Each structure stands twice: as C-alpha cells, then as structure tokens.
Amino acid sequence: MPRSVNHVASRAKRKKVLKMTKGYFGARKNVWTVAKNTLEKGLVYAYRDRKQKKRNFRSLWIQRINAGVREHGLSYSQFIDMANKKGITLNRKTLADLAMNHPEAFTAVVNSVK
C-alpha cells in the first residue's frame, strides 16, 4: 500500500513560514530550512523583547523622574519614599510625563510631597 502524504497541509505550512520571512536577506527568505530556522529565532527574540521593552521603559521613566526631582533638591528614592508615605498614587509613567512635558505640574507634585 502506498504511503499517504498530506501534501496540501505540508505545503500550506511551508507557505506560511515563507510568507512570514518576506523581507529577510538572501536565502533567509526563500530557502525552507534556512527560513524556518531564522523565523524560529526571530520569534524567540520577539517574545523575549516584549518583556524587555517593559523593563526598558520603566528604567527610562525612573531616569526622567530622577532628573526632575534633582532640580528640587531630592533624589529619586527619597521622592518615591515620601510620595508613598503621603499616599500619592501616580505611577512612574505619569510622573515621568509630568517631569518632561509639564514641569509646573511636576513642581506642584514635588511640593505636595515635601
């Protein structure tokens, strides 16, 4: 009895991978084995970097808040400690935005914390 191969499904799987590697350089876009390996690695990087993106933005916000509070004679850690004790629940993203784009509002927040 001849071997049965579901060529429709396997072709569709390959087409899907090759479609996702569109725009890659050289054999990475059209040679099945190379494209498959490249795509797998790329998807691993994408998953990892979605997590790292959150870390990087939090770090950036902390740097911006620190730069903003240094002008008022505080350090970042002192400011956050005082804000927590006063019950100010603004998150770091919001505080960083105030420090960058609305310095007068950020000054009001710092004064309320002091």
PDB file of N, CA and C in Angstrom:
ATOM      1  N   MET A   1       0.849  -1.187   0.000  1.00  0.00           N
ATOM      2  CA  MET A   1       0.000   0.000   0.000  1.00  0.00           C
ATOM      3  C   MET A   1       0.889   1.243   0.000  1.00  0.00           C
ATOM      4  N   PRO A   2       0.618   2.184  -0.902  1.00  0.00           N
ATOM      5  CA  PRO A   2       1.471   3.371  -0.980  1.00  0.00           C
ATOM      6  C   PRO A   2       1.302   4.274   0.250  1.00  0.00           C
ATOM      7  N   ARG A   3       2.384   4.985   0.530  1.00  0.00           N
ATOM      8  CA  ARG A   3       2.380   5.885   1.674  1.00  0.00           C
ATOM      9  C   ARG A   3       1.516   7.094   1.366  1.00  0.00           C
ATOM     10  N   SER A   4       0.695   7.493   2.301  1.00  0.00           N
ATOM     11  CA  SER A   4      -0.175   8.653   2.107  1.00  0.00           C
ATOM     12  C   SER A   4       0.485   9.882   2.729  1.00  0.00           C
ATOM     13  N   VAL A   5       0.594  10.928   1.938  1.00  0.00           N
ATOM     14  CA  VAL A   5       1.227  12.159   2.410  1.00  0.00           C
ATOM     15  C   VAL A   5       0.231  13.296   2.224  1.00  0.00           C
ATOM     16  N   ASN A   6      -0.003  14.046   3.266  1.00  0.00           N
ATOM     17  CA  ASN A   6      -0.920  15.188   3.162  1.00  0.00           C
ATOM     18  C   ASN A   6      -0.143  16.393   2.634  1.00  0.00           C
ATOM     19  N   HIS A   7       0.046  16.402   1.338  1.00  0.00           N
ATOM     20  CA  HIS A   7       0.870  17.432   0.724  1.00  0.00           C
ATOM     21  C   HIS A   7       0.228  18.819   0.831  1.00  0.00           C
ATOM     22  N   VAL A   8      -1.078  18.876   0.876  1.00  0.00           N
ATOM     23  CA  VAL A   8      -1.759  20.170   0.976  1.00  0.00           C
ATOM     24  C   VAL A   8      -1.377  20.858   2.283  1.00  0.00           C
ATOM     25  N   ALA A   9      -1.416  20.116   3.383  1.00  0.00           N
ATOM     26  CA  ALA A   9      -1.109  20.694   4.692  1.00  0.00           C
ATOM     27  C   ALA A   9       0.360  21.071   4.812  1.00  0.00           C
ATOM     28  N   SER A  10       1.250  20.194   4.322  1.00  0.00           N
ATOM     29  CA  SER A  10       2.679  20.495   4.454  1.00  0.00           C
ATOM     30  C   SER A  10       3.066  21.676   3.571  1.00  0.00           C
ATOM     31  N   ARG A  11       2.480  21.768   2.384  1.00  0.00           N
ATOM     32  CA  ARG A  11       2.738  22.927   1.512  1.00  0.00           C
ATOM     33  C   ARG A  11       2.229  24.209   2.174  1.00  0.00           C
ATOM     34  N   ALA A  12       1.043  24.141   2.785  1.00  0.00           N
ATOM     35  CA  ALA A  12       0.473  25.322   3.444  1.00  0.00           C
ATOM     36  C   ALA A  12       1.368  25.781   4.593  1.00  0.00           C
ATOM     37  N   LYS A  13       1.914  24.821   5.333  1.00  0.00           N
ATOM     38  CA  LYS A  13       2.800  25.148   6.452  1.00  0.00           C
ATOM     39  C   LYS A  13       4.051  25.861   5.952  1.00  0.00           C
ATOM     40  N   ARG A  14       4.629  25.343   4.878  1.00  0.00           N
ATOM     41  CA  ARG A  14       5.821  25.978   4.313  1.00  0.00           C
ATOM     42  C   ARG A  14       5.509  27.366   3.777  1.00  0.00           C
ATOM     43  N   LYS A  15       4.377  27.493   3.096  1.00  0.00           N
ATOM     44  CA  LYS A  15       3.998  28.798   2.550  1.00  0.00           C
ATOM     45  C   LYS A  15       3.822  29.830   3.660  1.00  0.00           C
ATOM     46  N   LYS A  16       3.245  29.380   4.780  1.00  0.00           N
ATOM     47  CA  LYS A  16       3.029  30.279   5.907  1.00  0.00           C
ATOM     48  C   LYS A  16       4.362  30.796   6.452  1.00  0.00           C
ATOM     49  N   VAL A  17       5.322  29.897   6.599  1.00  0.00           N
ATOM     50  CA  VAL A  17       6.637  30.294   7.112  1.00  0.00           C
ATOM     51  C   VAL A  17       7.328  31.221   6.118  1.00  0.00           C
ATOM     52  N   LEU A  18       7.298  30.869   4.834  1.00  0.00           N
ATOM     53  CA  LEU A  18       7.966  31.698   3.826  1.00  0.00           C
ATOM     54  C   LEU A  18       7.300  33.065   3.693  1.00  0.00           C
ATOM     55  N   LYS A  19       6.014  33.124   3.924  1.00  0.00           N
ATOM     56  CA  LYS A  19       5.327  34.421   3.894  1.00  0.00           C
ATOM     57  C   LYS A  19       5.783  35.296   5.061  1.00  0.00           C
ATOM     58  N   MET A  20       6.001  34.663   6.233  1.00  0.00           N
ATOM     59  CA  MET A  20       6.436  35.414   7.405  1.00  0.00           C
ATOM     60  C   MET A  20       7.877  35.889   7.291  1.00  0.00           C
ATOM     61  N   THR A  21       8.698  35.224   6.460  1.00  0.00           N
ATOM     62  CA  THR A  21      10.100  35.629   6.314  1.00  0.00           C
ATOM     63  C   THR A  21      10.287  36.601   5.154  1.00  0.00           C
ATOM     64  N   LYS A  22       9.215  37.084   4.591  1.00  0.00           N
ATOM     65  CA  LYS A  22       9.298  38.048   3.499  1.00  0.00           C
ATOM     66  C   LYS A  22      10.067  39.281   3.969  1.00  0.00           C
ATOM     67  N   GLY A  23      11.016  39.721   3.170  1.00  0.00           N
ATOM     68  CA  GLY A  23      11.814  40.885   3.527  1.00  0.00           C
ATOM     69  C   GLY A  23      13.146  40.538   4.162  1.00  0.00           C
ATOM     70  N   TYR A  24      13.370  39.278   4.500  1.00  0.00           N
ATOM     71  CA  TYR A  24      14.666  38.878   5.045  1.00  0.00           C
ATOM     72  C   TYR A  24      15.690  38.870   3.916  1.00  0.00           C
ATOM     73  N   PHE A  25      16.977  38.831   4.274  1.00  0.00           N
ATOM     74  CA  PHE A  25      18.058  38.935   3.293  1.00  0.00           C
ATOM     75  C   PHE A  25      18.492  37.563   2.788  1.00  0.00           C
ATOM     76  N   GLY A  26      18.721  37.475   1.500  1.00  0.00           N
ATOM     77  CA  GLY A  26      19.305  36.286   0.895  1.00  0.00           C
ATOM     78  C   GLY A  26      18.452  35.039   1.058  1.00  0.00           C
ATOM     79  N   ALA A  27      19.106  33.924   1.374  1.00  0.00           N
ATOM     80  CA  ALA A  27      18.422  32.639   1.476  1.00  0.00           C
ATOM     81  C   ALA A  27      17.457  32.587   2.639  1.00  0.00           C
ATOM     82  N   ARG A  28      17.564  33.532   3.558  1.00  0.00           N
ATOM     83  CA  ARG A  28      16.690  33.536   4.729  1.00  0.00           C
ATOM     84  C   ARG A  28      15.221  33.729   4.351  1.00  0.00           C
ATOM     85  N   LYS A  29      14.973  34.234   3.155  1.00  0.00           N
ATOM     86  CA  LYS A  29      13.586  34.482   2.771  1.00  0.00           C
ATOM     87  C   LYS A  29      12.974  33.398   1.894  1.00  0.00           C
ATOM     88  N   ASN A  30      13.800  32.560   1.234  1.00  0.00           N
ATOM     89  CA  ASN A  30      13.196  31.641   0.275  1.00  0.00           C
ATOM     90  C   ASN A  30      13.685  30.197   0.338  1.00  0.00           C
ATOM     91  N   VAL A  31      14.684  29.898   1.153  1.00  0.00           N
ATOM     92  CA  VAL A  31      15.134  28.519   1.309  1.00  0.00           C
ATOM     93  C   VAL A  31      14.489  27.981   2.579  1.00  0.00           C
ATOM     94  N   TRP A  32      13.710  26.920   2.427  1.00  0.00           N
ATOM     95  CA  TRP A  32      12.842  26.443   3.509  1.00  0.00           C
ATOM     96  C   TRP A  32      13.582  26.236   4.822  1.00  0.00           C
ATOM     97  N   THR A  33      14.689  25.488   4.831  1.00  0.00           N
ATOM     98  CA  THR A  33      15.349  25.160   6.096  1.00  0.00           C
ATOM     99  C   THR A  33      15.951  26.405   6.742  1.00  0.00           C
ATOM    100  N   VAL A  34      16.552  27.254   5.939  1.00  0.00           N
ATOM    101  CA  VAL A  34      17.152  28.479   6.464  1.00  0.00           C
ATOM    102  C   VAL A  34      16.060  29.412   6.978  1.00  0.00           C
ATOM    103  N   ALA A  35      14.994  29.558   6.194  1.00  0.00           N
ATOM    104  CA  ALA A  35      13.893  30.448   6.581  1.00  0.00           C
ATOM    105  C   ALA A  35      13.232  29.978   7.869  1.00  0.00           C
ATOM    106  N   LYS A  36      13.053  28.671   7.993  1.00  0.00           N
ATOM    107  CA  LYS A  36      12.399  28.121   9.194  1.00  0.00           C
ATOM    108  C   LYS A  36      13.226  28.420  10.432  1.00  0.00           C
ATOM    109  N   ASN A  37      14.536  28.180  10.346  1.00  0.00           N
ATOM    110  CA  ASN A  37      15.416  28.450  11.491  1.00  0.00           C
ATOM    111  C   ASN A  37      15.451  29.929  11.843  1.00  0.00           C
ATOM    112  N   THR A  38      15.530  30.777  10.818  1.00  0.00           N
ATOM    113  CA  THR A  38      15.581  32.212  11.034  1.00  0.00           C
ATOM    114  C   THR A  38      14.290  32.709  11.683  1.00  0.00           C
ATOM    115  N   LEU A  39      13.172  32.212  11.202  1.00  0.00           N
ATOM    116  CA  LEU A  39      11.884  32.632  11.742  1.00  0.00           C
ATOM    117  C   LEU A  39      11.740  32.205  13.198  1.00  0.00           C
ATOM    118  N   GLU A  40      12.125  30.973  13.504  1.00  0.00           N
ATOM    119  CA  GLU A  40      12.038  30.496  14.888  1.00  0.00           C
ATOM    120  C   GLU A  40      12.857  31.382  15.814  1.00  0.00           C
ATOM    121  N   LYS A  41      14.069  31.706  15.397  1.00  0.00           N
ATOM    122  CA  LYS A  41      14.939  32.556  16.208  1.00  0.00           C
ATOM    123  C   LYS A  41      14.335  33.948  16.357  1.00  0.00           C
ATOM    124  N   GLY A  42      13.777  34.467  15.263  1.00  0.00           N
ATOM    125  CA  GLY A  42      13.154  35.785  15.316  1.00  0.00           C
ATOM    126  C   GLY A  42      11.966  35.827  16.256  1.00  0.00           C
ATOM    127  N   LEU A  43      11.175  34.765  16.261  1.00  0.00           N
ATOM    128  CA  LEU A  43      10.026  34.723  17.156  1.00  0.00           C
ATOM    129  C   LEU A  43      10.463  34.623  18.620  1.00  0.00           C
ATOM    130  N   VAL A  44      11.572  33.932  18.864  1.00  0.00           N
ATOM    131  CA  VAL A  44      12.128  33.876  20.229  1.00  0.00           C
ATOM    132  C   VAL A  44      12.552  35.267  20.671  1.00  0.00           C
ATOM    133  N   TYR A  45      13.250  35.994  19.785  1.00  0.00           N
ATOM    134  CA  TYR A  45      13.665  37.360  20.107  1.00  0.00           C
ATOM    135  C   TYR A  45      12.443  38.245  20.367  1.00  0.00           C
ATOM    136  N   ALA A  46      11.416  38.092  19.554  1.00  0.00           N
ATOM    137  CA  ALA A  46      10.221  38.928  19.697  1.00  0.00           C
ATOM    138  C   ALA A  46       9.560  38.693  21.056  1.00  0.00           C
ATOM    139  N   TYR A  47       9.462  37.438  21.460  1.00  0.00           N
ATOM    140  CA  TYR A  47       8.858  37.099  22.751  1.00  0.00           C
ATOM    141  C   TYR A  47       9.693  37.689  23.890  1.00  0.00           C
ATOM    142  N   ARG A  48      11.010  37.489  23.807  1.00  0.00           N
ATOM    143  CA  ARG A  48      11.904  37.989  24.854  1.00  0.00           C
ATOM    144  C   ARG A  48      11.835  39.516  24.955  1.00  0.00           C
ATOM    145  N   ASP A  49      11.838  40.183  23.804  1.00  0.00           N
ATOM    146  CA  ASP A  49      11.927  41.637  23.807  1.00  0.00           C
ATOM    147  C   ASP A  49      10.617  42.313  24.163  1.00  0.00           C
ATOM    148  N   ARG A  50       9.505  41.604  24.045  1.00  0.00           N
ATOM    149  CA  ARG A  50       8.256  42.179  24.562  1.00  0.00           C
ATOM    150  C   ARG A  50       8.347  42.353  26.072  1.00  0.00           C
ATOM    151  N   LYS A  51       9.067  41.457  26.732  1.00  0.00           N
ATOM    152  CA  LYS A  51       9.276  41.571  28.176  1.00  0.00           C
ATOM    153  C   LYS A  51      10.316  42.659  28.478  1.00  0.00           C
ATOM    154  N   GLN A  52      11.391  42.682  27.697  1.00  0.00           N
ATOM    155  CA  GLN A  52      12.458  43.665  27.937  1.00  0.00           C
ATOM    156  C   GLN A  52      11.983  45.091  27.697  1.00  0.00           C
ATOM    157  N   LYS A  53      11.033  45.255  26.781  1.00  0.00           N
ATOM    158  CA  LYS A  53      10.511  46.582  26.482  1.00  0.00           C
ATOM    159  C   LYS A  53       9.907  47.221  27.727  1.00  0.00           C
ATOM    160  N   LYS A  54       9.207  46.424  28.518  1.00  0.00           N
ATOM    161  CA  LYS A  54       8.596  46.917  29.748  1.00  0.00           C
ATOM    162  C   LYS A  54       9.676  47.364  30.731  1.00  0.00           C
ATOM    163  N   ARG A  55      10.746  46.552  30.840  1.00  0.00           N
ATOM    164  CA  ARG A  55      11.859  46.899  31.726  1.00  0.00           C
ATOM    165  C   ARG A  55      12.516  48.197  31.284  1.00  0.00           C
ATOM    166  N   ASN A  56      12.751  48.302  29.969  1.00  0.00           N
ATOM    167  CA  ASN A  56      13.459  49.475  29.449  1.00  0.00           C
ATOM    168  C   ASN A  56      12.663  50.750  29.675  1.00  0.00           C
ATOM    169  N   PHE A  57      11.347  50.687  29.473  1.00  0.00           N
ATOM    170  CA  PHE A  57      10.540  51.882  29.673  1.00  0.00           C
ATOM    171  C   PHE A  57      10.495  52.274  31.143  1.00  0.00           C
ATOM    172  N   ARG A  58      10.363  51.295  32.053  1.00  0.00           N
ATOM    173  CA  ARG A  58      10.361  51.619  33.483  1.00  0.00           C
ATOM    174  C   ARG A  58      11.671  52.291  33.863  1.00  0.00           C
ATOM    175  N   SER A  59      12.784  51.790  33.348  1.00  0.00           N
ATOM    176  CA  SER A  59      14.096  52.378  33.619  1.00  0.00           C
ATOM    177  C   SER A  59      14.165  53.818  33.101  1.00  0.00           C
ATOM    178  N   LEU A  60      13.634  54.049  31.907  1.00  0.00           N
ATOM    179  CA  LEU A  60      13.620  55.385  31.326  1.00  0.00           C
ATOM    180  C   LEU A  60      12.786  56.341  32.170  1.00  0.00           C
ATOM    181  N   TRP A  61      11.612  55.868  32.613  1.00  0.00           N
ATOM    182  CA  TRP A  61      10.748  56.711  33.455  1.00  0.00           C
ATOM    183  C   TRP A  61      11.451  57.079  34.746  1.00  0.00           C
ATOM    184  N   ILE A  62      12.139  56.127  35.347  1.00  0.00           N
ATOM    185  CA  ILE A  62      12.848  56.389  36.608  1.00  0.00           C
ATOM    186  C   ILE A  62      13.941  57.432  36.386  1.00  0.00           C
ATOM    187  N   GLN A  63      14.669  57.352  35.287  1.00  0.00           N
ATOM    188  CA  GLN A  63      15.713  58.332  34.984  1.00  0.00           C
ATOM    189  C   GLN A  63      15.120  59.728  34.817  1.00  0.00           C
ATOM    190  N   ARG A  64      13.973  59.812  34.149  1.00  0.00           N
ATOM    191  CA  ARG A  64      13.346  61.116  33.926  1.00  0.00           C
ATOM    192  C   ARG A  64      12.826  61.716  35.229  1.00  0.00           C
ATOM    193  N   ILE A  65      12.238  60.876  36.066  1.00  0.00           N
ATOM    194  CA  ILE A  65      11.755  61.367  37.364  1.00  0.00           C
ATOM    195  C   ILE A  65      12.936  61.826  38.203  1.00  0.00           C
ATOM    196  N   ASN A  66      14.008  61.042  38.203  1.00  0.00           N
ATOM    197  CA  ASN A  66      15.202  61.388  38.971  1.00  0.00           C
ATOM    198  C   ASN A  66      15.755  62.741  38.526  1.00  0.00           C
ATOM    199  N   ALA A  67      15.837  62.947  37.209  1.00  0.00           N
ATOM    200  CA  ALA A  67      16.337  64.228  36.690  1.00  0.00           C
ATOM    201  C   ALA A  67      15.424  65.372  37.119  1.00  0.00           C
ATOM    202  N   GLY A  68      14.115  65.124  37.126  1.00  0.00           N
ATOM    203  CA  GLY A  68      13.167  66.161  37.522  1.00  0.00           C
ATOM    204  C   GLY A  68      13.250  66.508  38.998  1.00  0.00           C
ATOM    205  N   VAL A  69      13.390  65.512  39.863  1.00  0.00           N
ATOM    206  CA  VAL A  69      13.410  65.801  41.302  1.00  0.00           C
ATOM    207  C   VAL A  69      14.762  66.320  41.767  1.00  0.00           C
ATOM    208  N   ARG A  70      15.826  66.030  41.035  1.00  0.00           N
ATOM    209  CA  ARG A  70      17.144  66.569  41.399  1.00  0.00           C
ATOM    210  C   ARG A  70      17.127  68.099  41.369  1.00  0.00           C
ATOM    211  N   GLU A  71      16.327  68.675  40.477  1.00  0.00           N
ATOM    212  CA  GLU A  71      16.218  70.138  40.399  1.00  0.00           C
ATOM    213  C   GLU A  71      15.566  70.719  41.645  1.00  0.00           C
ATOM    214  N   HIS A  72      14.861  69.882  42.382  1.00  0.00           N
ATOM    215  CA  HIS A  72      14.180  70.326  43.607  1.00  0.00           C
ATOM    216  C   HIS A  72      14.913  69.856  44.857  1.00  0.00           C
ATOM    217  N   GLY A  73      16.146  69.364  44.698  1.00  0.00           N
ATOM    218  CA  GLY A  73      16.969  69.003  45.837  1.00  0.00           C
ATOM    219  C   GLY A  73      16.650  67.650  46.456  1.00  0.00           C
ATOM    220  N   LEU A  74      16.040  66.759  45.694  1.00  0.00           N
ATOM    221  CA  LEU A  74      15.733  65.418  46.188  1.00  0.00           C
ATOM    222  C   LEU A  74      16.380  64.385  45.274  1.00  0.00           C
ATOM    223  N   SER A  75      16.481  63.158  45.759  1.00  0.00           N
ATOM    224  CA  SER A  75      16.853  62.060  44.889  1.00  0.00           C
ATOM    225  C   SER A  75      15.582  61.287  44.553  1.00  0.00           C
ATOM    226  N   TYR A  76      15.697  60.405  43.570  1.00  0.00           N
ATOM    227  CA  TYR A  76      14.537  59.609  43.159  1.00  0.00           C
ATOM    228  C   TYR A  76      13.999  58.772  44.314  1.00  0.00           C
ATOM    229  N   SER A  77      14.904  58.107  45.024  1.00  0.00           N
ATOM    230  CA  SER A  77      14.456  57.214  46.104  1.00  0.00           C
ATOM    231  C   SER A  77      13.788  57.980  47.228  1.00  0.00           C
ATOM    232  N   GLN A  78      14.319  59.158  47.557  1.00  0.00           N
ATOM    233  CA  GLN A  78      13.685  59.994  48.592  1.00  0.00           C
ATOM    234  C   GLN A  78      12.289  60.427  48.147  1.00  0.00           C
ATOM    235  N   PHE A  79      12.194  60.829  46.890  1.00  0.00           N
ATOM    236  CA  PHE A  79      10.914  61.299  46.360  1.00  0.00           C
ATOM    237  C   PHE A  79       9.857  60.192  46.387  1.00  0.00           C
ATOM    238  N   ILE A  80      10.221  59.001  45.916  1.00  0.00           N
ATOM    239  CA  ILE A  80       9.266  57.884  45.876  1.00  0.00           C
ATOM    240  C   ILE A  80       8.848  57.493  47.290  1.00  0.00           C
ATOM    241  N   ASP A  81       9.819  57.489  48.217  1.00  0.00           N
ATOM    242  CA  ASP A  81       9.502  57.154  49.615  1.00  0.00           C
ATOM    243  C   ASP A  81       8.513  58.152  50.195  1.00  0.00           C
ATOM    244  N   MET A  82       8.761  59.446  49.986  1.00  0.00           N
ATOM    245  CA  MET A  82       7.857  60.482  50.501  1.00  0.00           C
ATOM    246  C   MET A  82       6.482  60.394  49.848  1.00  0.00           C
ATOM    247  N   ALA A  83       6.480  60.128  48.538  1.00  0.00           N
ATOM    248  CA  ALA A  83       5.203  60.030  47.818  1.00  0.00           C
ATOM    249  C   ALA A  83       4.375  58.862  48.344  1.00  0.00           C
ATOM    250  N   ASN A  84       5.025  57.744  48.623  1.00  0.00           N
ATOM    251  CA  ASN A  84       4.304  56.589  49.170  1.00  0.00           C
ATOM    252  C   ASN A  84       3.762  56.888  50.566  1.00  0.00           C
ATOM    253  N   LYS A  85       4.543  57.581  51.372  1.00  0.00           N
ATOM    254  CA  LYS A  85       4.094  57.918  52.727  1.00  0.00           C
ATOM    255  C   LYS A  85       2.923  58.904  52.703  1.00  0.00           C
ATOM    256  N   LYS A  86       2.915  59.817  51.727  1.00  0.00           N
ATOM    257  CA  LYS A  86       1.818  60.786  51.587  1.00  0.00           C
ATOM    258  C   LYS A  86       0.591  60.176  50.915  1.00  0.00           C
ATOM    259  N   GLY A  87       0.755  58.993  50.333  1.00  0.00           N
ATOM    260  CA  GLY A  87      -0.377  58.341  49.671  1.00  0.00           C
ATOM    261  C   GLY A  87      -0.618  58.814  48.252  1.00  0.00           C
ATOM    262  N   ILE A  88       0.400  59.377  47.621  1.00  0.00           N
ATOM    263  CA  ILE A  88       0.275  59.814  46.217  1.00  0.00           C
ATOM    264  C   ILE A  88       0.456  58.585  45.340  1.00  0.00           C
ATOM    265  N   THR A  89      -0.557  58.281  44.538  1.00  0.00           N
ATOM    266  CA  THR A  89      -0.563  57.022  43.782  1.00  0.00           C
ATOM    267  C   THR A  89      -0.323  57.214  42.286  1.00  0.00           C
ATOM    268  N   LEU A  90       0.351  58.294  41.911  1.00  0.00           N
ATOM    269  CA  LEU A  90       0.693  58.470  40.500  1.00  0.00           C
ATOM    270  C   LEU A  90       1.761  57.447  40.122  1.00  0.00           C
ATOM    271  N   ASN A  91       1.595  56.793  38.968  1.00  0.00           N
ATOM    272  CA  ASN A  91       2.590  55.803  38.556  1.00  0.00           C
ATOM    273  C   ASN A  91       3.788  56.490  37.900  1.00  0.00           C
ATOM    274  N   ARG A  92       4.834  55.725  37.671  1.00  0.00           N
ATOM    275  CA  ARG A  92       6.083  56.290  37.165  1.00  0.00           C
ATOM    276  C   ARG A  92       5.934  56.837  35.751  1.00  0.00           C
ATOM    277  N   LYS A  93       5.088  56.214  34.962  1.00  0.00           N
ATOM    278  CA  LYS A  93       4.859  56.697  33.598  1.00  0.00           C
ATOM    279  C   LYS A  93       4.277  58.110  33.633  1.00  0.00           C
ATOM    280  N   THR A  94       3.291  58.308  34.476  1.00  0.00           N
ATOM    281  CA  THR A  94       2.644  59.616  34.592  1.00  0.00           C
ATOM    282  C   THR A  94       3.611  60.656  35.160  1.00  0.00           C
ATOM    283  N   LEU A  95       4.343  60.272  36.202  1.00  0.00           N
ATOM    284  CA  LEU A  95       5.302  61.207  36.801  1.00  0.00           C
ATOM    285  C   LEU A  95       6.383  61.608  35.806  1.00  0.00           C
ATOM    286  N   ALA A  96       6.863  60.654  35.012  1.00  0.00           N
ATOM    287  CA  ALA A  96       7.888  60.961  34.011  1.00  0.00           C
ATOM    288  C   ALA A  96       7.341  61.904  32.947  1.00  0.00           C
ATOM    289  N   ASP A  97       6.088  61.699  32.554  1.00  0.00           N
ATOM    290  CA  ASP A  97       5.469  62.582  31.564  1.00  0.00           C
ATOM    291  C   ASP A  97       5.331  63.996  32.119  1.00  0.00           C
ATOM    292  N   LEU A  98       4.924  64.096  33.384  1.00  0.00           N
ATOM    293  CA  LEU A  98       4.823  65.420  34.012  1.00  0.00           C
ATOM    294  C   LEU A  98       6.195  66.088  34.080  1.00  0.00           C
ATOM    295  N   ALA A  99       7.214  65.333  34.454  1.00  0.00           N
ATOM    296  CA  ALA A  99       8.561  65.899  34.582  1.00  0.00           C
ATOM    297  C   ALA A  99       9.081  66.409  33.244  1.00  0.00           C
ATOM    298  N   MET A 100       8.760  65.678  32.168  1.00  0.00           N
ATOM    299  CA  MET A 100       9.255  66.070  30.843  1.00  0.00           C
ATOM    300  C   MET A 100       8.442  67.203  30.217  1.00  0.00           C
ATOM    301  N   ASN A 101       7.113  67.046  30.221  1.00  0.00           N
ATOM    302  CA  ASN A 101       6.269  67.921  29.405  1.00  0.00           C
ATOM    303  C   ASN A 101       5.509  68.991  30.183  1.00  0.00           C
ATOM    304  N   HIS A 102       5.363  68.808  31.489  1.00  0.00           N
ATOM    305  CA  HIS A 102       4.600  69.766  32.298  1.00  0.00           C
ATOM    306  C   HIS A 102       5.357  70.057  33.592  1.00  0.00           C
ATOM    307  N   PRO A 103       6.469  70.799  33.494  1.00  0.00           N
ATOM    308  CA  PRO A 103       7.318  70.993  34.677  1.00  0.00           C
ATOM    309  C   PRO A 103       6.605  71.700  35.829  1.00  0.00           C
ATOM    310  N   GLU A 104       5.676  72.607  35.510  1.00  0.00           N
ATOM    311  CA  GLU A 104       4.971  73.319  36.595  1.00  0.00           C
ATOM    312  C   GLU A 104       4.071  72.368  37.375  1.00  0.00           C
ATOM    313  N   ALA A 105       3.430  71.439  36.687  1.00  0.00           N
ATOM    314  CA  ALA A 105       2.602  70.441  37.374  1.00  0.00           C
ATOM    315  C   ALA A 105       3.478  69.492  38.187  1.00  0.00           C
ATOM    316  N   PHE A 106       4.645  69.150  37.645  1.00  0.00           N
ATOM    317  CA  PHE A 106       5.565  68.266  38.380  1.00  0.00           C
ATOM    318  C   PHE A 106       6.084  68.961  39.630  1.00  0.00           C
ATOM    319  N   THR A 107       6.343  70.271  39.521  1.00  0.00           N
ATOM    320  CA  THR A 107       6.774  71.051  40.684  1.00  0.00           C
ATOM    321  C   THR A 107       5.703  71.017  41.764  1.00  0.00           C
ATOM    322  N   ALA A 108       4.445  71.122  41.361  1.00  0.00           N
ATOM    323  CA  ALA A 108       3.343  71.057  42.327  1.00  0.00           C
ATOM    324  C   ALA A 108       3.299  69.699  43.021  1.00  0.00           C
ATOM    325  N   VAL A 109       3.540  68.644  42.290  1.00  0.00           N
ATOM    326  CA  VAL A 109       3.562  67.299  42.885  1.00  0.00           C
ATOM    327  C   VAL A 109       4.716  67.182  43.880  1.00  0.00           C
ATOM    328  N   VAL A 110       5.899  67.675  43.486  1.00  0.00           N
ATOM    329  CA  VAL A 110       7.059  67.602  44.375  1.00  0.00           C
ATOM    330  C   VAL A 110       6.812  68.410  45.641  1.00  0.00           C
ATOM    331  N   ASN A 111       6.218  69.592  45.496  1.00  0.00           N
ATOM    332  CA  ASN A 111       5.937  70.428  46.671  1.00  0.00           C
ATOM    333  C   ASN A 111       4.920  69.782  47.592  1.00  0.00           C
ATOM    334  N   SER A 112       3.949  69.087  47.033  1.00  0.00           N
ATOM    335  CA  SER A 112       2.958  68.396  47.861  1.00  0.00           C
ATOM    336  C   SER A 112       3.576  67.209  48.599  1.00  0.00           C
ATOM    337  N   VAL A 113       4.632  66.651  48.026  1.00  0.00           N
ATOM    338  CA  VAL A 113       5.311  65.517  48.669  1.00  0.00           C
ATOM    339  C   VAL A 113       6.215  65.996  49.803  1.00  0.00           C
ATOM    340  N   LYS A 114       6.831  67.158  49.610  1.00  0.00           N
ATOM    341  CA  LYS A 114       7.817  67.668  50.602  1.00  0.00           C
ATOM    342  C   LYS A 114       7.172  67.939  51.947  1.00  0.00           C
TER     343      LYS A 114
END
